[in-house]
Amino acid sequence: MRKLIMLVEIIKTVEEKFNLDVTDLHILSIVGLAEEEGREVWVTDLTRMHNIASPATLHYRITRDLVARGMLRLEPSTEDARVKLVKTGKKFKTFANFLEKKFWS
């Protein structure tokens, strides 16, 4: 039960401090982990995750909302500029450092 309470506290803190919800956290965790492992993640890869949200919601969150907030950045493919690689943005590091210090140190 303590771990559940801690999880709720983490999510509540993240919602208040960074204005991120569970969908945002899921997207950020996938992109952050892929980057850590040296894998590429494309917008189309993320929009296929229908279990998180609808493709339209995911596309908006990735390409507009999280990019505008500096959590993600997009790099166009050299072969087709319509295809975008998803990378962590400058504010992602602030977010990850906050979590590390507040909850996992």
PDB file of N, CA and C in Angstrom:
ATOM      1  N   MET A   1       0.813  -1.202   0.000  1.00  0.00           N
ATOM      2  CA  MET A   1       0.000   0.000   0.000  1.00  0.00           C
ATOM      3  C   MET A   1       0.859   1.271   0.000  1.00  0.00           C
ATOM      4  N   ARG A   2       2.015   1.217   0.666  1.00  0.00           N
ATOM      5  CA  ARG A   2       2.885   2.400   0.720  1.00  0.00           C
ATOM      6  C   ARG A   2       3.366   2.804  -0.666  1.00  0.00           C
ATOM      7  N   LYS A   3       3.645   1.803  -1.520  1.00  0.00           N
ATOM      8  CA  LYS A   3       4.120   2.108  -2.875  1.00  0.00           C
ATOM      9  C   LYS A   3       3.019   2.767  -3.699  1.00  0.00           C
ATOM     10  N   LEU A   4       1.780   2.335  -3.504  1.00  0.00           N
ATOM     11  CA  LEU A   4       0.656   2.957  -4.200  1.00  0.00           C
ATOM     12  C   LEU A   4       0.505   4.406  -3.767  1.00  0.00           C
ATOM     13  N   ILE A   5       0.607   4.655  -2.488  1.00  0.00           N
ATOM     14  CA  ILE A   5       0.508   6.028  -1.981  1.00  0.00           C
ATOM     15  C   ILE A   5       1.645   6.876  -2.528  1.00  0.00           C
ATOM     16  N   MET A   6       2.844   6.315  -2.595  1.00  0.00           N
ATOM     17  CA  MET A   6       3.988   7.044  -3.149  1.00  0.00           C
ATOM     18  C   MET A   6       3.765   7.351  -4.637  1.00  0.00           C
ATOM     19  N   LEU A   7       3.237   6.380  -5.382  1.00  0.00           N
ATOM     20  CA  LEU A   7       2.948   6.598  -6.800  1.00  0.00           C
ATOM     21  C   LEU A   7       1.946   7.732  -6.986  1.00  0.00           C
ATOM     22  N   VAL A   8       0.884   7.735  -6.202  1.00  0.00           N
ATOM     23  CA  VAL A   8      -0.117   8.801  -6.277  1.00  0.00           C
ATOM     24  C   VAL A   8       0.513  10.146  -5.938  1.00  0.00           C
ATOM     25  N   GLU A   9       1.374  10.181  -4.952  1.00  0.00           N
ATOM     26  CA  GLU A   9       2.066  11.415  -4.571  1.00  0.00           C
ATOM     27  C   GLU A   9       2.974  11.915  -5.700  1.00  0.00           C
ATOM     28  N   ILE A  10       3.673  11.012  -6.345  1.00  0.00           N
ATOM     29  CA  ILE A  10       4.536  11.390  -7.468  1.00  0.00           C
ATOM     30  C   ILE A  10       3.698  11.997  -8.590  1.00  0.00           C
ATOM     31  N   ILE A  11       2.617  11.320  -8.963  1.00  0.00           N
ATOM     32  CA  ILE A  11       1.765  11.808 -10.057  1.00  0.00           C
ATOM     33  C   ILE A  11       1.148  13.155  -9.702  1.00  0.00           C
ATOM     34  N   LYS A  12       0.679  13.300  -8.479  1.00  0.00           N
ATOM     35  CA  LYS A  12       0.095  14.571  -8.037  1.00  0.00           C
ATOM     36  C   LYS A  12       1.126  15.700  -8.118  1.00  0.00           C
ATOM     37  N   THR A  13       2.340  15.442  -7.651  1.00  0.00           N
ATOM     38  CA  THR A  13       3.406  16.443  -7.681  1.00  0.00           C
ATOM     39  C   THR A  13       3.756  16.828  -9.117  1.00  0.00           C
ATOM     40  N   VAL A  14       3.854  15.832  -9.995  1.00  0.00           N
ATOM     41  CA  VAL A  14       4.189  16.086 -11.400  1.00  0.00           C
ATOM     42  C   VAL A  14       3.073  16.897 -12.077  1.00  0.00           C
ATOM     43  N   GLU A  15       1.831  16.551 -11.780  1.00  0.00           N
ATOM     44  CA  GLU A  15       0.710  17.314 -12.345  1.00  0.00           C
ATOM     45  C   GLU A  15       0.762  18.771 -11.909  1.00  0.00           C
ATOM     46  N   GLU A  16       1.043  19.009 -10.634  1.00  0.00           N
ATOM     47  CA  GLU A  16       1.062  20.372 -10.107  1.00  0.00           C
ATOM     48  C   GLU A  16       2.270  21.173 -10.583  1.00  0.00           C
ATOM     49  N   LYS A  17       3.440  20.568 -10.534  1.00  0.00           N
ATOM     50  CA  LYS A  17       4.671  21.307 -10.844  1.00  0.00           C
ATOM     51  C   LYS A  17       4.928  21.443 -12.351  1.00  0.00           C
ATOM     52  N   PHE A  18       4.622  20.397 -13.113  1.00  0.00           N
ATOM     53  CA  PHE A  18       4.964  20.403 -14.537  1.00  0.00           C
ATOM     54  C   PHE A  18       3.749  20.392 -15.461  1.00  0.00           C
ATOM     55  N   ASN A  19       2.547  20.309 -14.900  1.00  0.00           N
ATOM     56  CA  ASN A  19       1.311  20.262 -15.687  1.00  0.00           C
ATOM     57  C   ASN A  19       1.319  19.094 -16.683  1.00  0.00           C
ATOM     58  N   LEU A  20       1.755  17.938 -16.217  1.00  0.00           N
ATOM     59  CA  LEU A  20       1.800  16.732 -17.034  1.00  0.00           C
ATOM     60  C   LEU A  20       0.820  15.719 -16.472  1.00  0.00           C
ATOM     61  N   ASP A  21       0.051  15.081 -17.352  1.00  0.00           N
ATOM     62  CA  ASP A  21      -0.851  14.034 -16.883  1.00  0.00           C
ATOM     63  C   ASP A  21      -0.271  12.661 -17.222  1.00  0.00           C
ATOM     64  N   VAL A  22      -1.025  11.622 -16.937  1.00  0.00           N
ATOM     65  CA  VAL A  22      -0.529  10.254 -17.120  1.00  0.00           C
ATOM     66  C   VAL A  22      -0.211   9.965 -18.588  1.00  0.00           C
ATOM     67  N   THR A  23      -1.003  10.491 -19.517  1.00  0.00           N
ATOM     68  CA  THR A  23      -0.719  10.299 -20.944  1.00  0.00           C
ATOM     69  C   THR A  23       0.623  10.925 -21.302  1.00  0.00           C
ATOM     70  N   ASP A  24       0.856  12.148 -20.834  1.00  0.00           N
ATOM     71  CA  ASP A  24       2.138  12.812 -21.076  1.00  0.00           C
ATOM     72  C   ASP A  24       3.290  12.002 -20.492  1.00  0.00           C
ATOM     73  N   LEU A  25       3.103  11.514 -19.275  1.00  0.00           N
ATOM     74  CA  LEU A  25       4.153  10.730 -18.619  1.00  0.00           C
ATOM     75  C   LEU A  25       4.467   9.456 -19.391  1.00  0.00           C
ATOM     76  N   HIS A  26       3.438   8.829 -19.930  1.00  0.00           N
ATOM     77  CA  HIS A  26       3.658   7.618 -20.713  1.00  0.00           C
ATOM     78  C   HIS A  26       4.481   7.928 -21.968  1.00  0.00           C
ATOM     79  N   ILE A  27       4.115   8.980 -22.663  1.00  0.00           N
ATOM     80  CA  ILE A  27       4.852   9.389 -23.863  1.00  0.00           C
ATOM     81  C   ILE A  27       6.307   9.716 -23.504  1.00  0.00           C
ATOM     82  N   LEU A  28       6.495  10.522 -22.475  1.00  0.00           N
ATOM     83  CA  LEU A  28       7.848  10.927 -22.076  1.00  0.00           C
ATOM     84  C   LEU A  28       8.696   9.735 -21.640  1.00  0.00           C
ATOM     85  N   SER A  29       8.081   8.779 -20.963  1.00  0.00           N
ATOM     86  CA  SER A  29       8.847   7.611 -20.527  1.00  0.00           C
ATOM     87  C   SER A  29       9.308   6.773 -21.713  1.00  0.00           C
ATOM     88  N   ILE A  30       8.467   6.647 -22.724  1.00  0.00           N
ATOM     89  CA  ILE A  30       8.840   5.876 -23.913  1.00  0.00           C
ATOM     90  C   ILE A  30       9.979   6.565 -24.660  1.00  0.00           C
ATOM     91  N   VAL A  31       9.865   7.868 -24.844  1.00  0.00           N
ATOM     92  CA  VAL A  31      10.902   8.617 -25.564  1.00  0.00           C
ATOM     93  C   VAL A  31      12.199   8.639 -24.763  1.00  0.00           C
ATOM     94  N   GLY A  32      12.101   8.899 -23.459  1.00  0.00           N
ATOM     95  CA  GLY A  32      13.300   8.940 -22.612  1.00  0.00           C
ATOM     96  C   GLY A  32      14.030   7.609 -22.575  1.00  0.00           C
ATOM     97  N   LEU A  33      13.284   6.515 -22.442  1.00  0.00           N
ATOM     98  CA  LEU A  33      13.897   5.184 -22.405  1.00  0.00           C
ATOM     99  C   LEU A  33      14.542   4.840 -23.746  1.00  0.00           C
ATOM    100  N   ALA A  34      13.849   5.150 -24.834  1.00  0.00           N
ATOM    101  CA  ALA A  34      14.411   4.878 -26.165  1.00  0.00           C
ATOM    102  C   ALA A  34      15.720   5.642 -26.354  1.00  0.00           C
ATOM    103  N   GLU A  35      15.737   6.899 -25.936  1.00  0.00           N
ATOM    104  CA  GLU A  35      16.953   7.704 -26.059  1.00  0.00           C
ATOM    105  C   GLU A  35      18.092   7.112 -25.213  1.00  0.00           C
ATOM    106  N   GLU A  36      17.755   6.689 -23.990  1.00  0.00           N
ATOM    107  CA  GLU A  36      18.744   6.071 -23.108  1.00  0.00           C
ATOM    108  C   GLU A  36      19.348   4.812 -23.726  1.00  0.00           C
ATOM    109  N   GLU A  37      18.517   4.046 -24.423  1.00  0.00           N
ATOM    110  CA  GLU A  37      18.948   2.789 -25.034  1.00  0.00           C
ATOM    111  C   GLU A  37      19.507   2.969 -26.443  1.00  0.00           C
ATOM    112  N   GLY A  38      19.524   4.203 -26.947  1.00  0.00           N
ATOM    113  CA  GLY A  38      20.066   4.470 -28.271  1.00  0.00           C
ATOM    114  C   GLY A  38      19.135   4.080 -29.412  1.00  0.00           C
ATOM    115  N   ARG A  39      17.839   3.964 -29.112  1.00  0.00           N
ATOM    116  CA  ARG A  39      16.855   3.635 -30.152  1.00  0.00           C
ATOM    117  C   ARG A  39      16.171   4.901 -30.646  1.00  0.00           C
ATOM    118  N   GLU A  40      15.649   4.835 -31.855  1.00  0.00           N
ATOM    119  CA  GLU A  40      14.903   5.958 -32.406  1.00  0.00           C
ATOM    120  C   GLU A  40      13.408   5.728 -32.223  1.00  0.00           C
ATOM    121  N   VAL A  41      12.686   6.817 -31.960  1.00  0.00           N
ATOM    122  CA  VAL A  41      11.226   6.769 -31.865  1.00  0.00           C
ATOM    123  C   VAL A  41      10.688   7.850 -32.787  1.00  0.00           C
ATOM    124  N   TRP A  42       9.788   7.449 -33.657  1.00  0.00           N
ATOM    125  CA  TRP A  42       9.174   8.357 -34.619  1.00  0.00           C
ATOM    126  C   TRP A  42       7.764   8.708 -34.159  1.00  0.00           C
ATOM    127  N   VAL A  43       7.250   9.830 -34.613  1.00  0.00           N
ATOM    128  CA  VAL A  43       5.891  10.237 -34.256  1.00  0.00           C
ATOM    129  C   VAL A  43       4.910   9.123 -34.594  1.00  0.00           C
ATOM    130  N   THR A  44       5.061   8.509 -35.762  1.00  0.00           N
ATOM    131  CA  THR A  44       4.130   7.444 -36.163  1.00  0.00           C
ATOM    132  C   THR A  44       4.183   6.244 -35.217  1.00  0.00           C
ATOM    133  N   ASP A  45       5.350   5.944 -34.660  1.00  0.00           N
ATOM    134  CA  ASP A  45       5.455   4.855 -33.677  1.00  0.00           C
ATOM    135  C   ASP A  45       4.579   5.155 -32.457  1.00  0.00           C
ATOM    136  N   LEU A  46       4.648   6.386 -31.989  1.00  0.00           N
ATOM    137  CA  LEU A  46       3.904   6.773 -30.798  1.00  0.00           C
ATOM    138  C   LEU A  46       2.404   6.867 -31.045  1.00  0.00           C
ATOM    139  N   THR A  47       2.011   7.320 -32.223  1.00  0.00           N
ATOM    140  CA  THR A  47       0.572   7.453 -32.496  1.00  0.00           C
ATOM    141  C   THR A  47      -0.108   6.098 -32.677  1.00  0.00           C
ATOM    142  N   ARG A  48       0.664   5.046 -32.830  1.00  0.00           N
ATOM    143  CA  ARG A  48       0.085   3.697 -32.950  1.00  0.00           C
ATOM    144  C   ARG A  48      -0.225   3.068 -31.595  1.00  0.00           C
ATOM    145  N   MET A  49       0.083   3.751 -30.514  1.00  0.00           N
ATOM    146  CA  MET A  49      -0.152   3.212 -29.177  1.00  0.00           C
ATOM    147  C   MET A  49      -1.579   3.541 -28.727  1.00  0.00           C
ATOM    148  N   HIS A  50      -2.549   2.886 -29.342  1.00  0.00           N
ATOM    149  CA  HIS A  50      -3.960   3.172 -29.086  1.00  0.00           C
ATOM    150  C   HIS A  50      -4.375   2.883 -27.647  1.00  0.00           C
ATOM    151  N   ASN A  51      -3.614   2.083 -26.922  1.00  0.00           N
ATOM    152  CA  ASN A  51      -3.970   1.778 -25.537  1.00  0.00           C
ATOM    153  C   ASN A  51      -3.743   2.970 -24.612  1.00  0.00           C
ATOM    154  N   ILE A  52      -2.987   3.967 -25.039  1.00  0.00           N
ATOM    155  CA  ILE A  52      -2.723   5.157 -24.224  1.00  0.00           C
ATOM    156  C   ILE A  52      -3.808   6.213 -24.463  1.00  0.00           C
ATOM    157  N   ALA A  53      -4.054   6.501 -25.737  1.00  0.00           N
ATOM    158  CA  ALA A  53      -5.037   7.515 -26.135  1.00  0.00           C
ATOM    159  C   ALA A  53      -5.291   7.351 -27.631  1.00  0.00           C
ATOM    160  N   SER A  54      -6.205   8.136 -28.164  1.00  0.00           N
ATOM    161  CA  SER A  54      -6.489   8.042 -29.598  1.00  0.00           C
ATOM    162  C   SER A  54      -5.288   8.566 -30.389  1.00  0.00           C
ATOM    163  N   PRO A  55      -5.134   8.124 -31.634  1.00  0.00           N
ATOM    164  CA  PRO A  55      -4.020   8.622 -32.451  1.00  0.00           C
ATOM    165  C   PRO A  55      -4.005  10.148 -32.572  1.00  0.00           C
ATOM    166  N   ALA A  56      -5.177  10.757 -32.688  1.00  0.00           N
ATOM    167  CA  ALA A  56      -5.238  12.219 -32.817  1.00  0.00           C
ATOM    168  C   ALA A  56      -4.748  12.907 -31.538  1.00  0.00           C
ATOM    169  N   THR A  57      -5.161  12.387 -30.392  1.00  0.00           N
ATOM    170  CA  THR A  57      -4.711  12.947 -29.114  1.00  0.00           C
ATOM    171  C   THR A  57      -3.208  12.799 -28.960  1.00  0.00           C
ATOM    172  N   LEU A  58      -2.705  11.616 -29.268  1.00  0.00           N
ATOM    173  CA  LEU A  58      -1.259  11.385 -29.170  1.00  0.00           C
ATOM    174  C   LEU A  58      -0.498  12.309 -30.107  1.00  0.00           C
ATOM    175  N   HIS A  59      -0.971  12.445 -31.341  1.00  0.00           N
ATOM    176  CA  HIS A  59      -0.292  13.306 -32.311  1.00  0.00           C
ATOM    177  C   HIS A  59      -0.241  14.745 -31.804  1.00  0.00           C
ATOM    178  N   TYR A  60      -1.360  15.243 -31.295  1.00  0.00           N
ATOM    179  CA  TYR A  60      -1.393  16.604 -30.765  1.00  0.00           C
ATOM    180  C   TYR A  60      -0.431  16.753 -29.586  1.00  0.00           C
ATOM    181  N   ARG A  61      -0.495  15.831 -28.639  1.00  0.00           N
ATOM    182  CA  ARG A  61       0.358  15.928 -27.453  1.00  0.00           C
ATOM    183  C   ARG A  61       1.835  15.925 -27.841  1.00  0.00           C
ATOM    184  N   ILE A  62       2.201  15.055 -28.774  1.00  0.00           N
ATOM    185  CA  ILE A  62       3.603  14.911 -29.163  1.00  0.00           C
ATOM    186  C   ILE A  62       4.073  16.117 -29.980  1.00  0.00           C
ATOM    187  N   THR A  63       3.348  16.436 -31.059  1.00  0.00           N
ATOM    188  CA  THR A  63       3.837  17.430 -32.012  1.00  0.00           C
ATOM    189  C   THR A  63       3.540  18.877 -31.630  1.00  0.00           C
ATOM    190  N   ARG A  64       2.563  19.104 -30.778  1.00  0.00           N
ATOM    191  CA  ARG A  64       2.233  20.482 -30.409  1.00  0.00           C
ATOM    192  C   ARG A  64       2.481  20.748 -28.924  1.00  0.00           C
ATOM    193  N   ASP A  65       1.764  20.062 -28.077  1.00  0.00           N
ATOM    194  CA  ASP A  65       1.750  20.356 -26.657  1.00  0.00           C
ATOM    195  C   ASP A  65       3.108  20.132 -25.986  1.00  0.00           C
ATOM    196  N   LEU A  66       3.643  18.925 -26.058  1.00  0.00           N
ATOM    197  CA  LEU A  66       4.908  18.629 -25.380  1.00  0.00           C
ATOM    198  C   LEU A  66       6.096  19.328 -26.034  1.00  0.00           C
ATOM    199  N   VAL A  67       6.018  19.567 -27.329  1.00  0.00           N
ATOM    200  CA  VAL A  67       7.072  20.334 -28.010  1.00  0.00           C
ATOM    201  C   VAL A  67       7.018  21.792 -27.561  1.00  0.00           C
ATOM    202  N   ALA A  68       5.822  22.371 -27.508  1.00  0.00           N
ATOM    203  CA  ALA A  68       5.670  23.770 -27.094  1.00  0.00           C
ATOM    204  C   ALA A  68       6.159  23.994 -25.667  1.00  0.00           C
ATOM    205  N   ARG A  69       6.014  22.983 -24.825  1.00  0.00           N
ATOM    206  CA  ARG A  69       6.452  23.101 -23.437  1.00  0.00           C
ATOM    207  C   ARG A  69       7.915  22.728 -23.242  1.00  0.00           C
ATOM    208  N   GLY A  70       8.606  22.355 -24.317  1.00  0.00           N
ATOM    209  CA  GLY A  70      10.029  22.061 -24.240  1.00  0.00           C
ATOM    210  C   GLY A  70      10.367  20.678 -23.722  1.00  0.00           C
ATOM    211  N   MET A  71       9.363  19.835 -23.531  1.00  0.00           N
ATOM    212  CA  MET A  71       9.609  18.473 -23.053  1.00  0.00           C
ATOM    213  C   MET A  71      10.118  17.569 -24.167  1.00  0.00           C
ATOM    214  N   LEU A  72       9.656  17.828 -25.377  1.00  0.00           N
ATOM    215  CA  LEU A  72      10.089  17.049 -26.544  1.00  0.00           C
ATOM    216  C   LEU A  72      10.535  17.995 -27.638  1.00  0.00           C
ATOM    217  N   ARG A  73      11.303  17.449 -28.556  1.00  0.00           N
ATOM    218  CA  ARG A  73      11.659  18.176 -29.785  1.00  0.00           C
ATOM    219  C   ARG A  73      11.554  17.192 -30.943  1.00  0.00           C
ATOM    220  N   LEU A  74      11.332  17.718 -32.121  1.00  0.00           N
ATOM    221  CA  LEU A  74      11.170  16.883 -33.305  1.00  0.00           C
ATOM    222  C   LEU A  74      12.272  17.177 -34.307  1.00  0.00           C
ATOM    223  N   GLU A  75      12.790  16.124 -34.917  1.00  0.00           N
ATOM    224  CA  GLU A  75      13.792  16.265 -35.976  1.00  0.00           C
ATOM    225  C   GLU A  75      13.238  15.613 -37.231  1.00  0.00           C
ATOM    226  N   PRO A  76      13.115  16.380 -38.330  1.00  0.00           N
ATOM    227  CA  PRO A  76      12.594  15.791 -39.567  1.00  0.00           C
ATOM    228  C   PRO A  76      13.571  14.779 -40.161  1.00  0.00           C
ATOM    229  N   SER A  77      13.021  13.768 -40.798  1.00  0.00           N
ATOM    230  CA  SER A  77      13.831  12.777 -41.496  1.00  0.00           C
ATOM    231  C   SER A  77      14.540  13.446 -42.668  1.00  0.00           C
ATOM    232  N   THR A  78      15.746  13.001 -42.971  1.00  0.00           N
ATOM    233  CA  THR A  78      16.475  13.560 -44.113  1.00  0.00           C
ATOM    234  C   THR A  78      15.856  13.094 -45.433  1.00  0.00           C
ATOM    235  N   GLU A  79      15.130  11.981 -45.394  1.00  0.00           N
ATOM    236  CA  GLU A  79      14.509  11.448 -46.609  1.00  0.00           C
ATOM    237  C   GLU A  79      13.132  12.035 -46.879  1.00  0.00           C
ATOM    238  N   ASP A  80      12.380  12.344 -45.819  1.00  0.00           N
ATOM    239  CA  ASP A  80      11.021  12.849 -45.959  1.00  0.00           C
ATOM    240  C   ASP A  80      10.733  13.759 -44.770  1.00  0.00           C
ATOM    241  N   ALA A  81      10.668  15.067 -45.000  1.00  0.00           N
ATOM    242  CA  ALA A  81      10.502  16.044 -43.925  1.00  0.00           C
ATOM    243  C   ALA A  81       9.178  15.886 -43.180  1.00  0.00           C
ATOM    244  N   ARG A  82       8.220  15.162 -43.752  1.00  0.00           N
ATOM    245  CA  ARG A  82       6.944  14.935 -43.065  1.00  0.00           C
ATOM    246  C   ARG A  82       7.087  13.922 -41.933  1.00  0.00           C
ATOM    247  N   VAL A  83       8.127  13.114 -41.974  1.00  0.00           N
ATOM    248  CA  VAL A  83       8.369  12.084 -40.969  1.00  0.00           C
ATOM    249  C   VAL A  83       9.301  12.667 -39.908  1.00  0.00           C
ATOM    250  N   LYS A  84       8.881  12.602 -38.638  1.00  0.00           N
ATOM    251  CA  LYS A  84       9.631  13.260 -37.570  1.00  0.00           C
ATOM    252  C   LYS A  84      10.129  12.273 -36.514  1.00  0.00           C
ATOM    253  N   LEU A  85      11.391  12.447 -36.145  1.00  0.00           N
ATOM    254  CA  LEU A  85      12.011  11.713 -35.054  1.00  0.00           C
ATOM    255  C   LEU A  85      11.710  12.474 -33.763  1.00  0.00           C
ATOM    256  N   VAL A  86      11.339  11.764 -32.706  1.00  0.00           N
ATOM    257  CA  VAL A  86      10.998  12.396 -31.433  1.00  0.00           C
ATOM    258  C   VAL A  86      12.175  12.242 -30.468  1.00  0.00           C
ATOM    259  N   LYS A  87      12.603  13.363 -29.902  1.00  0.00           N
ATOM    260  CA  LYS A  87      13.721  13.401 -28.952  1.00  0.00           C
ATOM    261  C   LYS A  87      13.279  14.169 -27.708  1.00  0.00           C
ATOM    262  N   THR A  88      13.973  13.962 -26.609  1.00  0.00           N
ATOM    263  CA  THR A  88      13.669  14.745 -25.412  1.00  0.00           C
ATOM    264  C   THR A  88      14.118  16.191 -25.623  1.00  0.00           C
ATOM    265  N   GLY A  89      13.378  17.102 -25.014  1.00  0.00           N
ATOM    266  CA  GLY A  89      13.689  18.524 -25.113  1.00  0.00           C
ATOM    267  C   GLY A  89      14.457  19.020 -23.902  1.00  0.00           C
ATOM    268  N   LYS A  90      14.746  20.314 -23.880  1.00  0.00           N
ATOM    269  CA  LYS A  90      15.537  20.909 -22.799  1.00  0.00           C
ATOM    270  C   LYS A  90      14.862  20.776 -21.434  1.00  0.00           C
ATOM    271  N   LYS A  91      13.561  20.960 -21.383  1.00  0.00           N
ATOM    272  CA  LYS A  91      12.869  20.901 -20.091  1.00  0.00           C
ATOM    273  C   LYS A  91      12.704  19.470 -19.591  1.00  0.00           C
ATOM    274  N   PHE A  92      12.891  18.491 -20.460  1.00  0.00           N
ATOM    275  CA  PHE A  92      12.811  17.097 -20.023  1.00  0.00           C
ATOM    276  C   PHE A  92      13.892  16.817 -18.987  1.00  0.00           C
ATOM    277  N   LYS A  93      15.073  17.364 -19.198  1.00  0.00           N
ATOM    278  CA  LYS A  93      16.174  17.138 -18.254  1.00  0.00           C
ATOM    279  C   LYS A  93      15.853  17.743 -16.885  1.00  0.00           C
ATOM    280  N   THR A  94      15.246  18.914 -16.872  1.00  0.00           N
ATOM    281  CA  THR A  94      14.812  19.532 -15.617  1.00  0.00           C
ATOM    282  C   THR A  94      13.807  18.637 -14.912  1.00  0.00           C
ATOM    283  N   PHE A  95      12.860  18.118 -15.674  1.00  0.00           N
ATOM    284  CA  PHE A  95      11.828  17.226 -15.157  1.00  0.00           C
ATOM    285  C   PHE A  95      12.461  15.945 -14.588  1.00  0.00           C
ATOM    286  N   ALA A  96      13.334  15.314 -15.354  1.00  0.00           N
ATOM    287  CA  ALA A  96      13.979  14.073 -14.913  1.00  0.00           C
ATOM    288  C   ALA A  96      14.849  14.313 -13.675  1.00  0.00           C
ATOM    289  N   ASN A  97      15.568  15.422 -13.642  1.00  0.00           N
ATOM    290  CA  ASN A  97      16.393  15.755 -12.476  1.00  0.00           C
ATOM    291  C   ASN A  97      15.535  15.992 -11.238  1.00  0.00           C
ATOM    292  N   PHE A  98      14.396  16.667 -11.419  1.00  0.00           N
ATOM    293  CA  PHE A  98      13.473  16.902 -10.308  1.00  0.00           C
ATOM    294  C   PHE A  98      12.998  15.573  -9.724  1.00  0.00           C
ATOM    295  N   LEU A  99      12.564  14.660 -10.591  1.00  0.00           N
ATOM    296  CA  LEU A  99      12.091  13.364 -10.121  1.00  0.00           C
ATOM    297  C   LEU A  99      13.193  12.611  -9.382  1.00  0.00           C
ATOM    298  N   GLU A 100      14.377  12.648  -9.942  1.00  0.00           N
ATOM    299  CA  GLU A 100      15.519  11.941  -9.338  1.00  0.00           C
ATOM    300  C   GLU A 100      15.807  12.471  -7.934  1.00  0.00           C
ATOM    301  N   LYS A 101      15.847  13.793  -7.792  1.00  0.00           N
ATOM    302  CA  LYS A 101      16.163  14.379  -6.497  1.00  0.00           C
ATOM    303  C   LYS A 101      15.030  14.225  -5.490  1.00  0.00           C
ATOM    304  N   LYS A 102      13.807  14.428  -5.954  1.00  0.00           N
ATOM    305  CA  LYS A 102      12.651  14.440  -5.035  1.00  0.00           C
ATOM    306  C   LYS A 102      12.244  13.037  -4.583  1.00  0.00           C
ATOM    307  N   PHE A 103      12.298  12.077  -5.487  1.00  0.00           N
ATOM    308  CA  PHE A 103      11.715  10.781  -5.182  1.00  0.00           C
ATOM    309  C   PHE A 103      12.692   9.601  -5.179  1.00  0.00           C
ATOM    310  N   TRP A 104      13.833   9.729  -5.850  1.00  0.00           N
ATOM    311  CA  TRP A 104      14.704   8.565  -5.961  1.00  0.00           C
ATOM    312  C   TRP A 104      16.119   8.773  -5.444  1.00  0.00           C
ATOM    313  N   SER A 105      16.320   9.812  -4.678  1.00  0.00           N
ATOM    314  CA  SER A 105      17.677  10.039  -4.169  1.00  0.00           C
ATOM    315  C   SER A 105      17.871   9.415  -2.808  1.00  0.00           C
TER     316      SER A 105
END
